[in-house]
Amino acid sequence: MAEIPEYEPLRSYVDATETADVAFVAKCWAQATKLVTRAIVEGGVAEADIADTIDAEVLEGAIVDCGSELYHRRNAPFGVTTFATSDGATSARVAADPMVRARVMISDYLKAGFA
């Protein structure tokens, strides 16, 4: 049985199926993991204690949200992307800070506030 890659939650969330997209998802997952980890450490939790401090589901959700923002940036020139809907197309702004939603998710677990 094939091993499931660690970035699979993000790949599934952004519905990436093409080989090039999956490679980009892996890069976004790695970047998001580093950004979320840095925010947690800056929030007063030692890197070695992250798994014991933050629920695994919350940590994964924060990484997926941050990774999703990073993934969608490549299709968002000037911070705006367009999605097809059943009644046409809809524009949406991609967050300037990919950590916006992730930061909210992890904030209750941190010892210090954000500046």
N, C-alpha and C. Protein backbone atom coordinates (compact mmCIF):
# COMPACT_ATOMS: atom_id res chain seq x y z
N MET A 1 0.84 -1.18 0.00
CA MET A 1 0.00 0.00 0.00
C MET A 1 0.88 1.24 0.00
N ALA A 2 0.55 2.21 -0.84
CA ALA A 2 1.33 3.43 -0.95
C ALA A 2 1.14 4.32 0.27
N GLU A 3 2.23 4.97 0.65
CA GLU A 3 2.17 5.89 1.79
C GLU A 3 1.51 7.20 1.35
N ILE A 4 0.65 7.74 2.20
CA ILE A 4 -0.03 9.00 1.91
C ILE A 4 0.93 10.14 2.23
N PRO A 5 1.16 11.05 1.27
CA PRO A 5 2.07 12.17 1.55
C PRO A 5 1.50 13.09 2.62
N GLU A 6 2.39 13.73 3.38
CA GLU A 6 1.94 14.60 4.47
C GLU A 6 1.12 15.78 3.96
N TYR A 7 1.34 16.19 2.71
CA TYR A 7 0.63 17.33 2.15
C TYR A 7 -0.75 16.97 1.60
N GLU A 8 -1.17 15.73 1.74
CA GLU A 8 -2.45 15.28 1.18
C GLU A 8 -3.65 16.11 1.66
N PRO A 9 -3.73 16.53 2.93
CA PRO A 9 -4.87 17.36 3.33
C PRO A 9 -4.97 18.65 2.51
N LEU A 10 -3.84 19.27 2.20
CA LEU A 10 -3.85 20.49 1.40
C LEU A 10 -4.19 20.16 -0.04
N ARG A 11 -3.61 19.11 -0.60
CA ARG A 11 -3.90 18.72 -1.98
C ARG A 11 -5.38 18.49 -2.17
N SER A 12 -5.99 17.81 -1.23
CA SER A 12 -7.42 17.53 -1.29
C SER A 12 -8.24 18.82 -1.15
N TYR A 13 -7.83 19.69 -0.23
CA TYR A 13 -8.56 20.94 0.03
C TYR A 13 -8.60 21.85 -1.18
N VAL A 14 -7.47 21.95 -1.89
CA VAL A 14 -7.41 22.83 -3.06
C VAL A 14 -7.75 22.08 -4.35
N ASP A 15 -8.03 20.79 -4.23
CA ASP A 15 -8.43 19.94 -5.36
C ASP A 15 -7.38 19.94 -6.47
N ALA A 16 -6.13 19.77 -6.09
CA ALA A 16 -5.03 19.72 -7.05
C ALA A 16 -4.89 18.28 -7.56
N THR A 17 -4.98 18.11 -8.87
CA THR A 17 -4.88 16.77 -9.44
C THR A 17 -3.76 16.63 -10.47
N GLU A 18 -3.41 17.72 -11.12
CA GLU A 18 -2.34 17.68 -12.13
C GLU A 18 -0.99 17.51 -11.43
N THR A 19 -0.07 16.83 -12.10
CA THR A 19 1.26 16.59 -11.52
C THR A 19 1.95 17.88 -11.11
N ALA A 20 1.92 18.89 -11.97
CA ALA A 20 2.55 20.18 -11.65
C ALA A 20 1.88 20.82 -10.44
N ASP A 21 0.57 20.70 -10.34
CA ASP A 21 -0.15 21.26 -9.20
C ASP A 21 0.24 20.56 -7.91
N VAL A 22 0.37 19.24 -7.97
CA VAL A 22 0.72 18.47 -6.77
C VAL A 22 2.12 18.84 -6.30
N ALA A 23 3.04 19.05 -7.21
CA ALA A 23 4.39 19.48 -6.83
C ALA A 23 4.34 20.84 -6.16
N PHE A 24 3.51 21.73 -6.68
CA PHE A 24 3.37 23.07 -6.08
C PHE A 24 2.71 22.97 -4.71
N VAL A 25 1.74 22.07 -4.56
CA VAL A 25 1.09 21.84 -3.26
C VAL A 25 2.13 21.43 -2.22
N ALA A 26 3.04 20.56 -2.60
CA ALA A 26 4.08 20.11 -1.67
C ALA A 26 4.93 21.29 -1.20
N LYS A 27 5.26 22.21 -2.11
CA LYS A 27 6.02 23.40 -1.74
C LYS A 27 5.20 24.31 -0.81
N CYS A 28 3.93 24.48 -1.14
CA CYS A 28 3.05 25.32 -0.29
C CYS A 28 2.91 24.72 1.09
N TRP A 29 2.79 23.39 1.18
CA TRP A 29 2.68 22.71 2.48
C TRP A 29 3.93 22.97 3.31
N ALA A 30 5.10 22.85 2.69
CA ALA A 30 6.35 23.08 3.42
C ALA A 30 6.44 24.52 3.92
N GLN A 31 6.09 25.48 3.05
CA GLN A 31 6.12 26.89 3.46
C GLN A 31 5.11 27.16 4.57
N ALA A 32 3.91 26.63 4.42
CA ALA A 32 2.87 26.85 5.42
C ALA A 32 3.26 26.24 6.76
N THR A 33 3.87 25.08 6.73
CA THR A 33 4.31 24.43 7.97
C THR A 33 5.33 25.31 8.70
N LYS A 34 6.25 25.89 7.93
CA LYS A 34 7.25 26.77 8.54
C LYS A 34 6.62 28.04 9.09
N LEU A 35 5.68 28.63 8.35
CA LEU A 35 5.03 29.85 8.82
C LEU A 35 4.21 29.62 10.08
N VAL A 36 3.44 28.54 10.10
CA VAL A 36 2.62 28.23 11.27
C VAL A 36 3.51 27.90 12.47
N THR A 37 4.55 27.13 12.25
CA THR A 37 5.48 26.79 13.33
C THR A 37 6.11 28.05 13.91
N ARG A 38 6.55 28.95 13.03
CA ARG A 38 7.17 30.20 13.50
C ARG A 38 6.18 31.01 14.33
N ALA A 39 4.92 31.09 13.89
CA ALA A 39 3.91 31.85 14.63
C ALA A 39 3.67 31.24 16.01
N ILE A 40 3.68 29.94 16.07
CA ILE A 40 3.46 29.26 17.36
C ILE A 40 4.64 29.51 18.30
N VAL A 41 5.84 29.40 17.78
CA VAL A 41 7.04 29.64 18.60
C VAL A 41 7.08 31.10 19.06
N GLU A 42 6.75 32.03 18.16
CA GLU A 42 6.71 33.44 18.54
C GLU A 42 5.60 33.70 19.56
N GLY A 43 4.60 32.82 19.60
CA GLY A 43 3.51 32.94 20.56
C GLY A 43 3.83 32.34 21.91
N GLY A 44 5.07 31.88 22.09
CA GLY A 44 5.50 31.42 23.40
C GLY A 44 5.51 29.93 23.61
N VAL A 45 5.32 29.14 22.57
CA VAL A 45 5.34 27.68 22.70
C VAL A 45 6.64 27.17 22.10
N ALA A 46 7.38 26.40 22.86
CA ALA A 46 8.63 25.82 22.35
C ALA A 46 8.31 24.87 21.20
N GLU A 47 9.16 24.88 20.18
CA GLU A 47 8.92 24.03 19.01
C GLU A 47 8.76 22.56 19.41
N ALA A 48 9.52 22.11 20.39
CA ALA A 48 9.43 20.73 20.84
C ALA A 48 8.10 20.42 21.52
N ASP A 49 7.38 21.45 21.97
CA ASP A 49 6.12 21.26 22.69
C ASP A 49 4.87 21.47 21.83
N ILE A 50 5.04 21.77 20.55
CA ILE A 50 3.89 22.09 19.70
C ILE A 50 2.89 20.94 19.67
N ALA A 51 3.34 19.73 19.46
CA ALA A 51 2.43 18.58 19.36
C ALA A 51 1.67 18.34 20.66
N ASP A 52 2.28 18.68 21.80
CA ASP A 52 1.62 18.49 23.09
C ASP A 52 0.71 19.66 23.47
N THR A 53 0.88 20.81 22.81
CA THR A 53 0.16 22.02 23.16
C THR A 53 -1.06 22.27 22.27
N ILE A 54 -0.93 21.97 20.99
CA ILE A 54 -1.99 22.29 20.03
C ILE A 54 -2.58 20.99 19.48
N ASP A 55 -3.92 20.91 19.50
CA ASP A 55 -4.60 19.73 18.96
C ASP A 55 -4.14 19.48 17.53
N ALA A 56 -3.93 18.23 17.19
CA ALA A 56 -3.45 17.86 15.86
C ALA A 56 -4.38 18.36 14.75
N GLU A 57 -5.68 18.30 14.99
CA GLU A 57 -6.65 18.75 13.99
C GLU A 57 -6.57 20.25 13.77
N VAL A 58 -6.36 20.99 14.85
CA VAL A 58 -6.25 22.45 14.75
C VAL A 58 -4.95 22.81 14.04
N LEU A 59 -3.87 22.15 14.39
CA LEU A 59 -2.58 22.42 13.75
C LEU A 59 -2.65 22.12 12.26
N GLU A 60 -3.21 20.98 11.90
CA GLU A 60 -3.35 20.64 10.48
C GLU A 60 -4.25 21.65 9.77
N GLY A 61 -5.34 22.04 10.40
CA GLY A 61 -6.23 23.02 9.80
C GLY A 61 -5.55 24.35 9.55
N ALA A 62 -4.71 24.78 10.49
CA ALA A 62 -3.98 26.03 10.32
C ALA A 62 -3.00 25.93 9.16
N ILE A 63 -2.32 24.80 9.04
CA ILE A 63 -1.38 24.60 7.94
C ILE A 63 -2.12 24.54 6.61
N VAL A 64 -3.25 23.87 6.58
CA VAL A 64 -4.04 23.78 5.34
C VAL A 64 -4.54 25.16 4.94
N ASP A 65 -5.05 25.95 5.88
CA ASP A 65 -5.54 27.29 5.54
C ASP A 65 -4.41 28.18 5.02
N CYS A 66 -3.29 28.17 5.69
CA CYS A 66 -2.14 28.96 5.24
C CYS A 66 -1.66 28.46 3.88
N GLY A 67 -1.56 27.15 3.72
CA GLY A 67 -1.12 26.57 2.45
C GLY A 67 -2.08 26.88 1.31
N SER A 68 -3.36 26.92 1.61
CA SER A 68 -4.36 27.26 0.59
C SER A 68 -4.16 28.68 0.09
N GLU A 69 -3.90 29.60 1.01
CA GLU A 69 -3.64 30.98 0.62
C GLU A 69 -2.40 31.06 -0.27
N LEU A 70 -1.35 30.34 0.10
CA LEU A 70 -0.13 30.33 -0.70
C LEU A 70 -0.38 29.71 -2.08
N TYR A 71 -1.15 28.64 -2.12
CA TYR A 71 -1.45 27.95 -3.37
C TYR A 71 -2.23 28.84 -4.33
N HIS A 72 -3.22 29.53 -3.83
CA HIS A 72 -4.09 30.34 -4.69
C HIS A 72 -3.44 31.65 -5.13
N ARG A 73 -2.35 32.04 -4.51
CA ARG A 73 -1.67 33.27 -4.91
C ARG A 73 -1.14 33.23 -6.34
N ARG A 74 -0.73 32.05 -6.80
CA ARG A 74 -0.13 32.00 -8.14
C ARG A 74 -1.15 32.30 -9.23
N ASN A 75 -2.43 32.13 -8.94
CA ASN A 75 -3.48 32.45 -9.90
C ASN A 75 -4.20 33.74 -9.54
N ALA A 76 -3.53 34.58 -8.76
CA ALA A 76 -4.17 35.81 -8.30
C ALA A 76 -3.28 37.02 -8.57
N PRO A 77 -3.18 37.42 -9.83
CA PRO A 77 -2.37 38.61 -10.10
C PRO A 77 -2.98 39.82 -9.38
N PHE A 78 -2.14 40.57 -8.77
CA PHE A 78 -2.56 41.76 -8.01
C PHE A 78 -3.49 41.41 -6.85
N GLY A 79 -3.43 40.15 -6.38
CA GLY A 79 -4.20 39.74 -5.22
C GLY A 79 -5.65 39.39 -5.46
N VAL A 80 -6.08 39.30 -6.73
CA VAL A 80 -7.47 38.97 -7.04
C VAL A 80 -7.50 37.73 -7.93
N THR A 81 -8.35 36.80 -7.59
CA THR A 81 -8.51 35.59 -8.40
C THR A 81 -9.97 35.45 -8.81
N THR A 82 -10.23 34.67 -9.82
CA THR A 82 -11.59 34.48 -10.31
C THR A 82 -11.94 33.00 -10.25
N PHE A 83 -13.12 32.70 -9.75
CA PHE A 83 -13.62 31.34 -9.66
C PHE A 83 -14.86 31.20 -10.52
N ALA A 84 -14.99 30.08 -11.21
CA ALA A 84 -16.21 29.82 -11.98
C ALA A 84 -17.31 29.38 -11.03
N THR A 85 -18.50 29.91 -11.23
CA THR A 85 -19.66 29.50 -10.45
C THR A 85 -20.76 29.09 -11.41
N SER A 86 -21.83 28.52 -10.92
CA SER A 86 -22.91 28.06 -11.78
C SER A 86 -23.59 29.20 -12.54
N ASP A 87 -23.50 30.41 -12.00
CA ASP A 87 -24.13 31.56 -12.67
C ASP A 87 -23.11 32.55 -13.24
N GLY A 88 -21.91 32.09 -13.50
CA GLY A 88 -20.90 32.96 -14.09
C GLY A 88 -19.58 32.84 -13.36
N ALA A 89 -18.89 33.95 -13.20
CA ALA A 89 -17.60 33.97 -12.51
C ALA A 89 -17.65 34.94 -11.35
N THR A 90 -16.91 34.61 -10.31
CA THR A 90 -16.86 35.44 -9.12
C THR A 90 -15.40 35.77 -8.81
N SER A 91 -15.12 37.01 -8.50
CA SER A 91 -13.77 37.40 -8.11
C SER A 91 -13.66 37.36 -6.59
N ALA A 92 -12.46 37.02 -6.14
CA ALA A 92 -12.20 36.99 -4.70
C ALA A 92 -10.79 37.48 -4.46
N ARG A 93 -10.60 38.18 -3.37
CA ARG A 93 -9.28 38.69 -3.01
C ARG A 93 -8.55 37.63 -2.19
N VAL A 94 -7.29 37.42 -2.52
CA VAL A 94 -6.44 36.52 -1.77
C VAL A 94 -5.78 37.35 -0.68
N ALA A 95 -5.70 36.82 0.52
CA ALA A 95 -5.15 37.56 1.65
C ALA A 95 -3.70 37.96 1.41
N ALA A 96 -3.34 39.17 1.77
CA ALA A 96 -1.96 39.63 1.65
C ALA A 96 -1.07 38.85 2.62
N ASP A 97 -1.62 38.49 3.75
CA ASP A 97 -0.91 37.70 4.76
C ASP A 97 -1.50 36.30 4.76
N PRO A 98 -0.76 35.28 4.32
CA PRO A 98 -1.32 33.93 4.26
C PRO A 98 -1.66 33.34 5.63
N MET A 99 -1.20 34.00 6.70
CA MET A 99 -1.43 33.49 8.05
C MET A 99 -2.71 34.03 8.70
N VAL A 100 -3.50 34.81 7.99
CA VAL A 100 -4.66 35.47 8.60
C VAL A 100 -5.57 34.46 9.30
N ARG A 101 -6.07 33.48 8.60
CA ARG A 101 -6.99 32.51 9.22
C ARG A 101 -6.25 31.55 10.14
N ALA A 102 -5.05 31.16 9.77
CA ALA A 102 -4.28 30.23 10.59
C ALA A 102 -3.99 30.83 11.96
N ARG A 103 -3.66 32.10 11.98
CA ARG A 103 -3.34 32.78 13.24
C ARG A 103 -4.55 32.75 14.18
N VAL A 104 -5.73 32.93 13.65
CA VAL A 104 -6.95 32.88 14.46
C VAL A 104 -7.14 31.48 15.04
N MET A 105 -6.89 30.48 14.23
CA MET A 105 -7.08 29.09 14.67
C MET A 105 -6.17 28.71 15.83
N ILE A 106 -4.94 29.18 15.81
CA ILE A 106 -3.98 28.77 16.84
C ILE A 106 -3.92 29.71 18.03
N SER A 107 -4.56 30.85 17.95
CA SER A 107 -4.40 31.89 18.97
C SER A 107 -4.77 31.45 20.38
N ASP A 108 -5.76 30.62 20.53
CA ASP A 108 -6.17 30.19 21.88
C ASP A 108 -5.14 29.29 22.55
N TYR A 109 -4.22 28.75 21.78
CA TYR A 109 -3.22 27.82 22.33
C TYR A 109 -1.90 28.52 22.69
N LEU A 110 -1.79 29.79 22.34
CA LEU A 110 -0.54 30.48 22.52
C LEU A 110 -0.47 31.19 23.87
N LYS A 111 0.73 31.36 24.35
CA LYS A 111 0.97 31.98 25.65
C LYS A 111 1.04 33.50 25.54
N ALA A 112 1.57 34.00 24.43
CA ALA A 112 1.74 35.44 24.23
C ALA A 112 0.89 35.90 23.07
N GLY A 113 0.53 37.16 23.08
CA GLY A 113 -0.25 37.72 21.97
C GLY A 113 0.63 38.06 20.79
N PHE A 114 0.00 38.41 19.71
CA PHE A 114 0.72 38.81 18.51
C PHE A 114 0.88 40.32 18.52
N ALA A 115 1.99 40.79 17.99
CA ALA A 115 2.22 42.22 17.91
C ALA A 115 1.57 42.79 16.68
